[in-house]
Every structure is written in structure tokens, then in C-alpha cells.
């Protein structure tokens, strides 16, 4: 779905420079289609993004609809 595709694109666009300059872990609590807990880890080596809880504690937790999440990233 659109949420999974958005996270796939984010994962593909990550670089070590993004990790070095951001140093943050973002957790998204999404409601609606494709919802659930998702994360973007821009703190751990290489970075990562995907479904579920982040591998380390989140610095920021955002709650929104999956539709708003997709709009925010497109």
C-alpha cells in the first residue's frame, strides 16, 4: 500500500550523510489503511526504516492518519 511504498522509498534514499547530520529516530503511530507502528532510524549506522518499533528508542513519536503521513512525505 501507499504507506509501505513511502517507507520503501525513504529506505532507498537514506545515506550515511543523512544519519550523520540528523542523529534522530522517528516513530510513527499511523491510523487507517496501512497503519500501525512504523519508524525511520537516522541514528544507527546506515539508517533504516520500516514497520514495527525502531531498533533503538525513538526521539520523536508522531501520531497521525496514514493518509496524512503519505501526504507529508509526497
Protein backbone atom coordinates (compact mmCIF):
# COMPACT_ATOMS: atom_id res chain seq x y z
CA UNK A 1 0.00 0.00 0.00
CA UNK A 2 0.94 3.70 -0.06
CA UNK A 3 2.43 3.70 3.46
CA UNK A 4 4.70 0.70 2.78
CA UNK A 5 5.74 2.22 -0.55
CA UNK A 6 6.59 5.53 1.14
CA UNK A 7 8.81 3.73 3.66
CA UNK A 8 10.44 1.73 0.84
CA UNK A 9 11.35 4.99 -0.93
CA UNK A 10 12.64 6.54 2.32
CA UNK A 11 14.82 3.48 2.99
CA UNK A 12 16.21 3.63 -0.55
CA UNK A 13 17.07 7.32 -0.26
CA UNK A 14 18.95 7.07 3.06
CA UNK A 15 22.64 7.86 3.15
CA UNK A 16 25.30 7.91 5.84
CA UNK A 17 25.26 11.72 5.48
CA UNK A 18 21.56 11.79 6.44
CA UNK A 19 22.36 9.66 9.50
CA UNK A 20 25.36 11.78 10.48
CA UNK A 21 23.51 15.08 10.11
CA UNK A 22 20.17 14.05 11.65
CA UNK A 23 21.00 11.71 14.56
CA UNK A 24 17.34 11.06 15.31
CA UNK A 25 14.86 8.19 15.46
CA UNK A 26 11.27 8.89 14.43
CA UNK A 27 8.38 6.60 15.32
CA UNK A 28 5.03 6.98 13.56
CA UNK A 29 1.78 5.70 15.05
CA UNK A 30 -0.47 5.62 12.00
CA UNK A 31 -4.21 5.05 11.94
CA UNK A 32 -6.26 3.92 8.96
CA UNK A 33 -5.26 1.83 5.96
CA UNK A 34 -1.66 0.62 6.19
CA UNK A 35 -1.47 1.95 9.72
CA UNK A 36 0.36 0.63 12.73
CA UNK A 37 3.78 1.44 14.15
CA UNK A 38 6.46 2.45 11.63
CA UNK A 39 9.88 4.07 12.08
CA UNK A 40 12.74 5.95 10.47
CA UNK A 41 16.09 5.42 12.21
CA UNK A 42 18.56 8.15 11.30
CA UNK A 43 20.80 7.46 14.29
CA UNK A 44 22.11 3.90 13.88
CA UNK A 45 24.85 3.13 11.34
CA UNK A 46 23.42 3.03 7.83
CA UNK A 47 19.96 4.07 8.99
CA UNK A 48 16.82 2.04 8.46
CA UNK A 49 13.09 2.43 8.02
CA UNK A 50 10.18 0.06 8.20
CA UNK A 51 7.27 -1.49 10.02
CA UNK A 52 7.34 -2.05 13.76
CA UNK A 53 9.17 -0.45 16.65
CA UNK A 54 12.55 1.16 15.91
CA UNK A 55 15.67 -0.82 16.86
CA UNK A 56 16.60 1.89 19.41
CA UNK A 57 14.43 4.24 21.49
CA UNK A 58 12.58 6.86 19.45
CA UNK A 59 13.49 10.52 19.92
CA UNK A 60 10.17 11.64 18.41
CA UNK A 61 6.81 9.86 18.26
CA UNK A 62 4.17 11.21 15.88
CA UNK A 63 0.56 10.07 15.69
CA UNK A 64 -1.43 10.75 12.53
CA UNK A 65 -3.58 9.11 9.89
CA UNK A 66 -1.80 7.05 7.26
CA UNK A 67 -3.29 9.38 4.61
CA UNK A 68 -1.72 12.44 6.29
CA UNK A 69 1.62 10.61 6.59
CA UNK A 70 1.69 9.86 2.86
CA UNK A 71 0.75 13.49 2.07
CA UNK A 72 3.51 14.78 4.36
CA UNK A 73 6.18 12.73 2.54
CA UNK A 74 4.98 13.30 -1.04
